[in-house]
């Protein structure tokens, strides 16, 4: 059970209402999960949702690479809500079901694409070791380029913040959705 009650839009302060309306009218179209938690601190919610908009919709990573990074992060943090929210996005973006399942079960995924491999390896290293060793950094830089590597680290950081929020406040998956992560 979630630690915080759902946000009632009829009880928002004027500052909360501005942020709520901005999130709801944007590409997400809904205020739920960590955004609903952050809305209790509208300054945090406004800034976090702007960073999230960049990381999810405007970064130099294509949707497939971004969603792959998000799934690795969600799995590393054992964040059920984030896994639930992005598994379908990843599959729709072209991440293979075999790769998704391997990530879910903490197995090495069968990745042959060099860009996907670089994203997976960087995401795994950052989530596990909190740094990139020199060879991985050089390899990722060669495959992704500087700008996409910087954006990848930004995506990983943002989705770590999301996952921490989900876990700390026990944000539940929607009613009827079955947990998929063995945490």
N, C-alpha and C. Protein backbone atom coordinates (compact mmCIF):
# COMPACT_ATOMS: atom_id res chain seq x y z
N UNK A 1 0.84 -1.17 0.00
CA UNK A 1 0.00 0.00 0.00
C UNK A 1 0.89 1.24 0.00
N UNK A 2 0.57 2.18 -0.82
CA UNK A 2 1.35 3.42 -0.94
C UNK A 2 1.35 4.16 0.39
N UNK A 3 2.45 4.83 0.65
CA UNK A 3 2.59 5.56 1.91
C UNK A 3 1.89 6.91 1.89
N UNK A 4 1.62 7.43 0.71
CA UNK A 4 0.93 8.71 0.60
C UNK A 4 -0.39 8.50 -0.14
N UNK A 5 -1.42 9.21 0.28
CA UNK A 5 -2.69 9.08 -0.44
C UNK A 5 -2.58 9.70 -1.84
N UNK A 6 -3.47 9.28 -2.72
CA UNK A 6 -3.52 9.88 -4.05
C UNK A 6 -3.77 11.38 -3.94
N UNK A 7 -3.27 12.11 -4.90
CA UNK A 7 -3.50 13.56 -4.94
C UNK A 7 -4.94 13.82 -5.36
N UNK A 8 -5.63 14.66 -4.60
CA UNK A 8 -6.97 15.09 -4.97
C UNK A 8 -6.84 16.45 -5.64
N UNK A 9 -7.04 16.52 -6.96
CA UNK A 9 -6.84 17.78 -7.68
C UNK A 9 -7.69 18.94 -7.16
N UNK A 10 -8.77 18.64 -6.46
CA UNK A 10 -9.63 19.72 -5.95
C UNK A 10 -9.07 20.37 -4.69
N UNK A 11 -7.99 19.80 -4.13
CA UNK A 11 -7.44 20.35 -2.87
C UNK A 11 -6.06 20.98 -3.06
N UNK A 12 -5.64 21.17 -4.29
CA UNK A 12 -4.29 21.68 -4.55
C UNK A 12 -4.17 23.15 -4.20
N UNK A 13 -2.99 23.53 -3.74
CA UNK A 13 -2.70 24.95 -3.54
C UNK A 13 -2.54 25.58 -4.92
N UNK A 14 -2.57 26.90 -5.02
CA UNK A 14 -2.37 27.53 -6.34
C UNK A 14 -1.04 27.12 -6.99
N UNK A 15 0.03 27.04 -6.19
CA UNK A 15 1.33 26.65 -6.75
C UNK A 15 1.29 25.20 -7.25
N UNK A 16 0.67 24.32 -6.48
CA UNK A 16 0.53 22.93 -6.91
C UNK A 16 -0.32 22.83 -8.17
N UNK A 17 -1.36 23.63 -8.25
CA UNK A 17 -2.27 23.59 -9.40
C UNK A 17 -1.55 23.95 -10.69
N UNK A 18 -0.67 24.94 -10.63
CA UNK A 18 0.10 25.33 -11.81
C UNK A 18 0.94 24.16 -12.30
N UNK A 19 1.64 23.51 -11.39
CA UNK A 19 2.50 22.38 -11.77
C UNK A 19 1.64 21.20 -12.24
N UNK A 20 0.56 20.93 -11.53
CA UNK A 20 -0.36 19.85 -11.92
C UNK A 20 -0.86 20.05 -13.35
N UNK A 21 -1.31 21.26 -13.64
CA UNK A 21 -1.84 21.56 -14.98
C UNK A 21 -0.76 21.43 -16.04
N UNK A 22 0.46 21.87 -15.70
CA UNK A 22 1.57 21.78 -16.65
C UNK A 22 1.89 20.32 -16.98
N UNK A 23 1.95 19.49 -15.97
CA UNK A 23 2.24 18.07 -16.19
C UNK A 23 1.11 17.42 -16.98
N UNK A 24 -0.11 17.66 -16.56
CA UNK A 24 -1.28 17.03 -17.19
C UNK A 24 -1.45 17.44 -18.64
N UNK A 25 -1.09 18.66 -18.97
CA UNK A 25 -1.24 19.14 -20.35
C UNK A 25 -0.05 18.79 -21.24
N UNK A 26 1.01 18.25 -20.64
CA UNK A 26 2.20 17.89 -21.41
C UNK A 26 2.10 16.51 -22.02
N UNK A 27 3.22 15.99 -22.49
CA UNK A 27 3.20 14.70 -23.18
C UNK A 27 2.79 13.52 -22.29
N UNK A 28 2.95 13.65 -20.98
CA UNK A 28 2.56 12.55 -20.09
C UNK A 28 1.04 12.44 -20.00
N UNK A 29 0.36 13.58 -19.92
CA UNK A 29 -1.09 13.60 -19.88
C UNK A 29 -1.72 13.18 -18.57
N UNK A 30 -0.90 12.80 -17.60
CA UNK A 30 -1.42 12.31 -16.33
C UNK A 30 -0.41 12.62 -15.23
N UNK A 31 -0.92 12.84 -14.03
CA UNK A 31 -0.06 13.08 -12.87
C UNK A 31 -0.22 11.87 -11.96
N UNK A 32 0.78 10.99 -11.99
CA UNK A 32 0.74 9.79 -11.17
C UNK A 32 2.15 9.39 -10.79
N UNK A 33 2.25 8.36 -9.99
CA UNK A 33 3.55 7.83 -9.62
C UNK A 33 4.40 8.87 -8.90
N UNK A 34 5.68 8.94 -9.27
CA UNK A 34 6.58 9.85 -8.56
C UNK A 34 6.18 11.32 -8.74
N UNK A 35 5.57 11.67 -9.86
CA UNK A 35 5.15 13.05 -10.06
C UNK A 35 4.09 13.45 -9.03
N UNK A 36 3.21 12.53 -8.70
CA UNK A 36 2.21 12.81 -7.67
C UNK A 36 2.85 12.97 -6.30
N UNK A 37 3.90 12.21 -6.04
CA UNK A 37 4.64 12.37 -4.78
C UNK A 37 5.30 13.75 -4.76
N UNK A 38 6.02 14.06 -5.83
CA UNK A 38 6.75 15.33 -5.88
C UNK A 38 5.82 16.54 -5.82
N UNK A 39 4.59 16.39 -6.25
CA UNK A 39 3.66 17.51 -6.27
C UNK A 39 3.44 18.08 -4.86
N UNK A 40 3.72 17.30 -3.84
CA UNK A 40 3.63 17.81 -2.48
C UNK A 40 4.65 18.91 -2.24
N UNK A 41 5.68 18.94 -3.05
CA UNK A 41 6.69 20.00 -3.05
C UNK A 41 6.74 20.54 -4.48
N UNK A 42 5.87 21.49 -4.80
CA UNK A 42 5.72 21.92 -6.19
C UNK A 42 7.00 22.44 -6.84
N UNK A 43 7.90 23.01 -6.06
CA UNK A 43 9.17 23.45 -6.63
C UNK A 43 9.97 22.27 -7.15
N UNK A 44 10.01 21.19 -6.39
CA UNK A 44 10.68 19.97 -6.82
C UNK A 44 9.95 19.37 -8.02
N UNK A 45 8.63 19.28 -7.93
CA UNK A 45 7.85 18.68 -9.02
C UNK A 45 8.07 19.43 -10.34
N UNK A 46 8.06 20.76 -10.29
CA UNK A 46 8.23 21.54 -11.52
C UNK A 46 9.59 21.29 -12.15
N UNK A 47 10.62 21.30 -11.33
CA UNK A 47 11.97 21.10 -11.88
C UNK A 47 12.20 19.67 -12.33
N UNK A 48 11.71 18.72 -11.55
CA UNK A 48 11.90 17.31 -11.90
C UNK A 48 11.14 16.95 -13.16
N UNK A 49 9.94 17.46 -13.31
CA UNK A 49 9.19 17.12 -14.52
C UNK A 49 9.80 17.75 -15.76
N UNK A 50 10.43 18.91 -15.62
CA UNK A 50 11.14 19.51 -16.76
C UNK A 50 12.35 18.66 -17.14
N UNK A 51 13.11 18.22 -16.15
CA UNK A 51 14.24 17.33 -16.43
C UNK A 51 13.73 16.04 -17.06
N UNK A 52 12.64 15.51 -16.52
CA UNK A 52 12.06 14.29 -17.06
C UNK A 52 11.59 14.45 -18.49
N UNK A 53 11.02 15.59 -18.78
CA UNK A 53 10.57 15.85 -20.17
C UNK A 53 11.77 15.81 -21.11
N UNK A 54 12.87 16.43 -20.70
CA UNK A 54 14.07 16.40 -21.54
C UNK A 54 14.58 14.96 -21.67
N UNK A 55 14.74 14.29 -20.55
CA UNK A 55 15.32 12.94 -20.58
C UNK A 55 14.46 11.98 -21.39
N UNK A 56 13.17 12.07 -21.27
CA UNK A 56 12.30 11.10 -21.94
C UNK A 56 11.97 11.49 -23.38
N UNK A 57 11.80 12.75 -23.66
CA UNK A 57 11.28 13.15 -24.97
C UNK A 57 12.25 13.94 -25.84
N UNK A 58 13.26 14.55 -25.27
CA UNK A 58 14.09 15.48 -26.04
C UNK A 58 15.57 15.15 -26.06
N UNK A 59 15.99 14.07 -25.43
CA UNK A 59 17.42 13.78 -25.42
C UNK A 59 17.86 13.29 -26.80
N UNK A 60 19.16 13.18 -26.97
CA UNK A 60 19.71 12.72 -28.25
C UNK A 60 19.62 11.21 -28.43
N UNK A 61 19.19 10.50 -27.39
CA UNK A 61 19.02 9.05 -27.50
C UNK A 61 17.69 8.76 -28.19
N UNK A 62 17.68 7.78 -29.10
CA UNK A 62 16.40 7.41 -29.66
C UNK A 62 15.57 6.69 -28.61
N UNK A 63 14.30 6.52 -28.89
CA UNK A 63 13.37 5.95 -27.92
C UNK A 63 13.80 4.54 -27.48
N UNK A 64 14.28 3.75 -28.40
CA UNK A 64 14.71 2.39 -28.07
C UNK A 64 15.84 2.39 -27.04
N UNK A 65 16.84 3.22 -27.27
CA UNK A 65 17.98 3.28 -26.36
C UNK A 65 17.58 3.86 -25.01
N UNK A 66 16.75 4.88 -25.04
CA UNK A 66 16.30 5.49 -23.80
C UNK A 66 15.47 4.51 -22.96
N UNK A 67 14.55 3.82 -23.60
CA UNK A 67 13.71 2.87 -22.87
C UNK A 67 14.53 1.69 -22.33
N UNK A 68 15.53 1.27 -23.08
CA UNK A 68 16.43 0.22 -22.60
C UNK A 68 17.12 0.68 -21.31
N UNK A 69 17.64 1.88 -21.31
CA UNK A 69 18.29 2.43 -20.13
C UNK A 69 17.32 2.54 -18.95
N UNK A 70 16.10 2.93 -19.22
CA UNK A 70 15.10 3.07 -18.16
C UNK A 70 14.79 1.71 -17.54
N UNK A 71 14.64 0.67 -18.38
CA UNK A 71 14.37 -0.66 -17.84
C UNK A 71 15.52 -1.17 -16.98
N UNK A 72 16.75 -0.95 -17.43
CA UNK A 72 17.89 -1.39 -16.63
C UNK A 72 17.88 -0.69 -15.27
N UNK A 73 17.57 0.59 -15.27
CA UNK A 73 17.52 1.36 -14.02
C UNK A 73 16.39 0.88 -13.13
N UNK A 74 15.21 0.70 -13.71
CA UNK A 74 14.06 0.23 -12.93
C UNK A 74 14.37 -1.12 -12.30
N UNK A 75 15.00 -2.00 -13.06
CA UNK A 75 15.33 -3.34 -12.55
C UNK A 75 16.37 -3.25 -11.44
N UNK A 76 17.38 -2.43 -11.65
CA UNK A 76 18.44 -2.31 -10.65
C UNK A 76 17.89 -1.81 -9.32
N UNK A 77 16.92 -0.92 -9.36
CA UNK A 77 16.32 -0.37 -8.15
C UNK A 77 15.15 -1.23 -7.65
N UNK A 78 14.75 -2.24 -8.40
CA UNK A 78 13.59 -3.04 -8.01
C UNK A 78 12.33 -2.21 -7.96
N UNK A 79 12.20 -1.32 -8.92
CA UNK A 79 11.10 -0.35 -8.94
C UNK A 79 9.95 -0.88 -9.81
N UNK A 80 9.00 -1.55 -9.15
CA UNK A 80 7.87 -2.16 -9.86
C UNK A 80 7.08 -1.15 -10.70
N UNK A 81 6.75 -0.01 -10.10
CA UNK A 81 5.95 0.97 -10.84
C UNK A 81 6.68 1.42 -12.10
N UNK A 82 7.96 1.69 -11.99
CA UNK A 82 8.72 2.16 -13.15
C UNK A 82 8.82 1.06 -14.20
N UNK A 83 9.03 -0.17 -13.77
CA UNK A 83 9.05 -1.29 -14.70
C UNK A 83 7.72 -1.39 -15.43
N UNK A 84 6.63 -1.35 -14.65
CA UNK A 84 5.29 -1.40 -15.23
C UNK A 84 5.09 -0.26 -16.24
N UNK A 85 5.50 0.94 -15.87
CA UNK A 85 5.26 2.12 -16.71
C UNK A 85 6.07 2.08 -18.00
N UNK A 86 7.22 1.39 -18.02
CA UNK A 86 8.09 1.48 -19.20
C UNK A 86 8.29 0.18 -19.98
N UNK A 87 7.87 -0.94 -19.46
CA UNK A 87 8.06 -2.19 -20.20
C UNK A 87 7.38 -2.11 -21.57
N UNK A 88 6.13 -1.69 -21.61
CA UNK A 88 5.41 -1.59 -22.88
C UNK A 88 6.06 -0.56 -23.80
N UNK A 89 6.51 0.56 -23.26
CA UNK A 89 7.20 1.57 -24.07
C UNK A 89 8.45 0.97 -24.71
N UNK A 90 9.19 0.19 -23.94
CA UNK A 90 10.42 -0.43 -24.46
C UNK A 90 10.10 -1.40 -25.58
N UNK A 91 9.11 -2.25 -25.37
CA UNK A 91 8.72 -3.20 -26.41
C UNK A 91 8.23 -2.47 -27.66
N UNK A 92 7.41 -1.45 -27.47
CA UNK A 92 6.91 -0.66 -28.60
C UNK A 92 8.02 0.05 -29.35
N UNK A 93 9.09 0.40 -28.64
CA UNK A 93 10.23 1.10 -29.26
C UNK A 93 11.17 0.13 -29.98
N UNK A 94 10.93 -1.16 -29.84
CA UNK A 94 11.76 -2.13 -30.55
C UNK A 94 12.76 -2.88 -29.71
N UNK A 95 12.73 -2.73 -28.39
CA UNK A 95 13.57 -3.56 -27.55
C UNK A 95 12.93 -4.95 -27.57
N UNK A 96 13.71 -5.96 -27.90
CA UNK A 96 13.13 -7.30 -28.08
C UNK A 96 12.60 -7.87 -26.77
N UNK A 97 11.55 -8.70 -26.87
CA UNK A 97 11.02 -9.34 -25.67
C UNK A 97 12.08 -10.18 -24.95
N UNK A 98 13.01 -10.76 -25.68
CA UNK A 98 14.07 -11.56 -25.06
C UNK A 98 15.00 -10.68 -24.21
N UNK A 99 15.29 -9.50 -24.70
CA UNK A 99 16.13 -8.57 -23.93
C UNK A 99 15.38 -8.10 -22.69
N UNK A 100 14.12 -7.74 -22.85
CA UNK A 100 13.31 -7.28 -21.71
C UNK A 100 13.24 -8.37 -20.65
N UNK A 101 12.98 -9.60 -21.07
CA UNK A 101 12.87 -10.70 -20.11
C UNK A 101 14.20 -10.97 -19.42
N UNK A 102 15.29 -10.90 -20.15
CA UNK A 102 16.60 -11.12 -19.53
C UNK A 102 16.88 -10.05 -18.48
N UNK A 103 16.55 -8.82 -18.77
CA UNK A 103 16.74 -7.75 -17.78
C UNK A 103 15.86 -8.02 -16.56
N UNK A 104 14.61 -8.36 -16.81
CA UNK A 104 13.68 -8.62 -15.71
C UNK A 104 14.19 -9.72 -14.79
N UNK A 105 14.79 -10.76 -15.36
CA UNK A 105 15.25 -11.91 -14.57
C UNK A 105 16.72 -11.82 -14.18
N UNK A 106 17.31 -10.64 -14.38
CA UNK A 106 18.71 -10.39 -14.00
C UNK A 106 19.69 -11.30 -14.72
N UNK A 107 19.40 -11.58 -15.98
CA UNK A 107 20.30 -12.36 -16.83
C UNK A 107 20.98 -11.41 -17.81
N UNK A 108 22.06 -11.86 -18.42
CA UNK A 108 22.72 -11.06 -19.44
C UNK A 108 21.87 -11.12 -20.71
N UNK A 109 21.40 -9.97 -21.19
CA UNK A 109 20.51 -10.00 -22.36
C UNK A 109 21.25 -10.31 -23.66
N UNK A 110 20.56 -10.95 -24.61
CA UNK A 110 21.16 -11.29 -25.89
C UNK A 110 21.17 -10.08 -26.84
N UNK A 111 22.07 -9.15 -26.58
CA UNK A 111 22.14 -7.91 -27.36
C UNK A 111 23.25 -8.02 -28.38
N UNK A 112 22.91 -7.80 -29.65
CA UNK A 112 23.91 -7.82 -30.71
C UNK A 112 24.16 -6.43 -31.30
N UNK A 113 23.19 -5.53 -31.16
CA UNK A 113 23.34 -4.18 -31.68
C UNK A 113 24.36 -3.41 -30.84
N UNK A 114 25.39 -2.81 -31.48
CA UNK A 114 26.44 -2.12 -30.70
C UNK A 114 25.92 -0.96 -29.85
N UNK A 115 24.95 -0.20 -30.33
CA UNK A 115 24.42 0.91 -29.54
C UNK A 115 23.64 0.40 -28.34
N UNK A 116 22.80 -0.59 -28.55
CA UNK A 116 22.07 -1.17 -27.42
C UNK A 116 23.04 -1.78 -26.41
N UNK A 117 24.08 -2.45 -26.91
CA UNK A 117 25.06 -3.06 -26.02
C UNK A 117 25.76 -1.98 -25.19
N UNK A 118 26.13 -0.88 -25.82
CA UNK A 118 26.79 0.22 -25.10
C UNK A 118 25.87 0.78 -24.02
N UNK A 119 24.60 1.01 -24.37
CA UNK A 119 23.65 1.55 -23.39
C UNK A 119 23.46 0.57 -22.24
N UNK A 120 23.27 -0.70 -22.55
CA UNK A 120 23.09 -1.70 -21.50
C UNK A 120 24.33 -1.77 -20.59
N UNK A 121 25.50 -1.82 -21.20
CA UNK A 121 26.73 -1.94 -20.41
C UNK A 121 26.96 -0.72 -19.52
N UNK A 122 26.73 0.47 -20.06
CA UNK A 122 26.90 1.69 -19.27
C UNK A 122 25.86 1.72 -18.15
N UNK A 123 24.61 1.44 -18.49
CA UNK A 123 23.55 1.47 -17.48
C UNK A 123 23.83 0.45 -16.38
N UNK A 124 24.22 -0.74 -16.76
CA UNK A 124 24.52 -1.78 -15.78
C UNK A 124 25.69 -1.38 -14.88
N UNK A 125 26.74 -0.85 -15.49
CA UNK A 125 27.91 -0.45 -14.71
C UNK A 125 27.56 0.68 -13.73
N UNK A 126 26.81 1.66 -14.20
CA UNK A 126 26.46 2.78 -13.32
C UNK A 126 25.54 2.34 -12.19
N UNK A 127 24.60 1.45 -12.50
CA UNK A 127 23.68 0.97 -11.47
C UNK A 127 24.36 0.03 -10.48
N UNK A 128 25.35 -0.71 -10.93
CA UNK A 128 26.01 -1.69 -10.07
C UNK A 128 27.24 -1.12 -9.37
N UNK A 129 28.12 -0.49 -10.15
CA UNK A 129 29.41 -0.05 -9.62
C UNK A 129 29.49 1.46 -9.38
N UNK A 130 28.50 2.19 -9.89
CA UNK A 130 28.41 3.65 -9.73
C UNK A 130 29.50 4.42 -10.46
N UNK A 131 30.15 3.75 -11.43
CA UNK A 131 31.17 4.42 -12.25
C UNK A 131 31.45 3.59 -13.49
N UNK A 132 32.16 4.20 -14.44
CA UNK A 132 32.56 3.52 -15.67
C UNK A 132 34.07 3.32 -15.65
N UNK A 133 34.51 2.09 -15.82
CA UNK A 133 35.95 1.88 -15.93
C UNK A 133 36.42 2.43 -17.28
N UNK A 134 37.70 2.65 -17.42
CA UNK A 134 38.25 3.35 -18.59
C UNK A 134 37.89 2.68 -19.91
N UNK A 135 37.99 1.36 -19.98
CA UNK A 135 37.71 0.67 -21.24
C UNK A 135 36.24 0.81 -21.64
N UNK A 136 35.34 0.70 -20.67
CA UNK A 136 33.91 0.85 -20.98
C UNK A 136 33.61 2.29 -21.39
N UNK A 137 34.19 3.24 -20.69
CA UNK A 137 33.99 4.64 -21.06
C UNK A 137 34.45 4.87 -22.50
N UNK A 138 35.64 4.39 -22.84
CA UNK A 138 36.18 4.59 -24.20
C UNK A 138 35.30 3.91 -25.24
N UNK A 139 34.85 2.71 -24.95
CA UNK A 139 34.00 1.98 -25.87
C UNK A 139 32.66 2.69 -26.06
N UNK A 140 32.03 3.11 -24.98
CA UNK A 140 30.75 3.79 -25.06
C UNK A 140 30.89 5.12 -25.79
N UNK A 141 31.95 5.82 -25.53
CA UNK A 141 32.20 7.09 -26.21
C UNK A 141 32.35 6.87 -27.72
N UNK A 142 33.07 5.82 -28.10
CA UNK A 142 33.26 5.52 -29.52
C UNK A 142 31.94 5.15 -30.20
N UNK A 143 31.08 4.42 -29.52
CA UNK A 143 29.83 3.95 -30.11
C UNK A 143 28.75 5.03 -30.08
N UNK A 144 28.60 5.70 -28.95
CA UNK A 144 27.50 6.64 -28.76
C UNK A 144 27.86 8.09 -29.08
N UNK A 145 29.12 8.43 -28.94
CA UNK A 145 29.51 9.83 -29.07
C UNK A 145 29.31 10.55 -27.76
N UNK A 146 29.96 11.68 -27.64
CA UNK A 146 29.96 12.43 -26.39
C UNK A 146 28.57 12.88 -25.96
N UNK A 147 27.82 13.48 -26.88
CA UNK A 147 26.51 14.02 -26.52
C UNK A 147 25.54 12.95 -26.05
N UNK A 148 25.49 11.83 -26.76
CA UNK A 148 24.57 10.77 -26.36
C UNK A 148 25.02 10.09 -25.07
N UNK A 149 26.32 10.02 -24.82
CA UNK A 149 26.80 9.46 -23.56
C UNK A 149 26.40 10.37 -22.40
N UNK A 150 26.53 11.66 -22.58
CA UNK A 150 26.10 12.61 -21.53
C UNK A 150 24.60 12.47 -21.30
N UNK A 151 23.81 12.41 -22.38
CA UNK A 151 22.37 12.24 -22.22
C UNK A 151 22.03 10.91 -21.54
N UNK A 152 22.75 9.86 -21.86
CA UNK A 152 22.51 8.56 -21.23
C UNK A 152 22.71 8.66 -19.71
N UNK A 153 23.77 9.30 -19.29
CA UNK A 153 24.02 9.45 -17.86
C UNK A 153 22.90 10.28 -17.22
N UNK A 154 22.43 11.30 -17.93
CA UNK A 154 21.29 12.09 -17.43
C UNK A 154 20.04 11.25 -17.27
N UNK A 155 19.74 10.41 -18.26
CA UNK A 155 18.57 9.52 -18.18
C UNK A 155 18.71 8.58 -16.99
N UNK A 156 19.88 8.00 -16.82
CA UNK A 156 20.10 7.08 -15.70
C UNK A 156 19.91 7.79 -14.36
N UNK A 157 20.43 9.01 -14.25
CA UNK A 157 20.27 9.76 -13.01
C UNK A 157 18.82 10.11 -12.73
N UNK A 158 18.12 10.58 -13.74
CA UNK A 158 16.72 10.95 -13.57
C UNK A 158 15.88 9.74 -13.16
N UNK A 159 16.07 8.62 -13.85
CA UNK A 159 15.26 7.45 -13.53
C UNK A 159 15.70 6.77 -12.23
N UNK A 160 16.91 7.05 -11.77
CA UNK A 160 17.29 6.63 -10.41
C UNK A 160 16.51 7.45 -9.39
N UNK A 161 16.39 8.76 -9.62
CA UNK A 161 15.59 9.61 -8.74
C UNK A 161 14.14 9.12 -8.72
N UNK A 162 13.60 8.83 -9.87
CA UNK A 162 12.23 8.31 -9.93
C UNK A 162 12.12 7.02 -9.14
N UNK A 163 13.04 6.11 -9.37
CA UNK A 163 12.98 4.81 -8.69
C UNK A 163 13.13 4.94 -7.19
N UNK A 164 14.00 5.83 -6.73
CA UNK A 164 14.13 6.06 -5.29
C UNK A 164 12.82 6.59 -4.71
N UNK A 165 12.19 7.51 -5.42
CA UNK A 165 10.92 8.08 -4.96
C UNK A 165 9.85 6.99 -4.88
N UNK A 166 9.76 6.18 -5.93
CA UNK A 166 8.78 5.09 -5.97
C UNK A 166 9.00 4.14 -4.80
N UNK A 167 10.24 3.78 -4.56
CA UNK A 167 10.54 2.82 -3.50
C UNK A 167 10.33 3.43 -2.11
N UNK A 168 10.76 4.66 -1.91
CA UNK A 168 10.63 5.29 -0.59
C UNK A 168 9.17 5.47 -0.19
N UNK A 169 8.34 5.84 -1.16
CA UNK A 169 6.94 6.12 -0.88
C UNK A 169 6.01 4.97 -1.28
N UNK A 170 6.62 3.82 -1.62
CA UNK A 170 5.89 2.61 -1.96
C UNK A 170 4.75 2.89 -2.94
N UNK A 171 5.11 3.52 -4.05
CA UNK A 171 4.12 3.80 -5.09
C UNK A 171 3.73 2.48 -5.75
N UNK A 172 2.46 2.18 -5.70
CA UNK A 172 1.95 0.91 -6.22
C UNK A 172 1.76 0.94 -7.73
N UNK A 173 1.87 -0.23 -8.33
CA UNK A 173 1.44 -0.36 -9.73
C UNK A 173 -0.07 -0.18 -9.75
N UNK A 174 -0.64 0.19 -10.89
CA UNK A 174 -2.09 0.38 -10.94
C UNK A 174 -2.85 -0.90 -10.55
N UNK A 175 -4.03 -0.72 -10.05
CA UNK A 175 -4.89 -1.84 -9.66
C UNK A 175 -5.02 -2.81 -10.85
N UNK A 176 -4.90 -4.08 -10.56
CA UNK A 176 -5.04 -5.09 -11.59
C UNK A 176 -3.73 -5.48 -12.26
N UNK A 177 -2.68 -4.68 -12.08
CA UNK A 177 -1.39 -5.00 -12.67
C UNK A 177 -0.62 -5.90 -11.71
N UNK A 178 -0.04 -6.95 -12.25
CA UNK A 178 0.71 -7.90 -11.42
C UNK A 178 2.17 -7.48 -11.32
N UNK A 179 2.75 -7.55 -10.13
CA UNK A 179 4.20 -7.27 -10.02
C UNK A 179 4.98 -8.27 -10.87
N UNK A 180 6.06 -7.79 -11.46
CA UNK A 180 6.88 -8.64 -12.33
C UNK A 180 8.30 -8.82 -11.83
N UNK A 181 8.74 -7.97 -10.93
CA UNK A 181 10.12 -8.02 -10.48
C UNK A 181 10.22 -8.80 -9.19
N UNK A 182 11.17 -9.69 -9.14
CA UNK A 182 11.43 -10.45 -7.92
C UNK A 182 12.42 -9.64 -7.09
N UNK A 183 11.89 -8.87 -6.15
CA UNK A 183 12.76 -8.01 -5.34
C UNK A 183 12.76 -8.42 -3.89
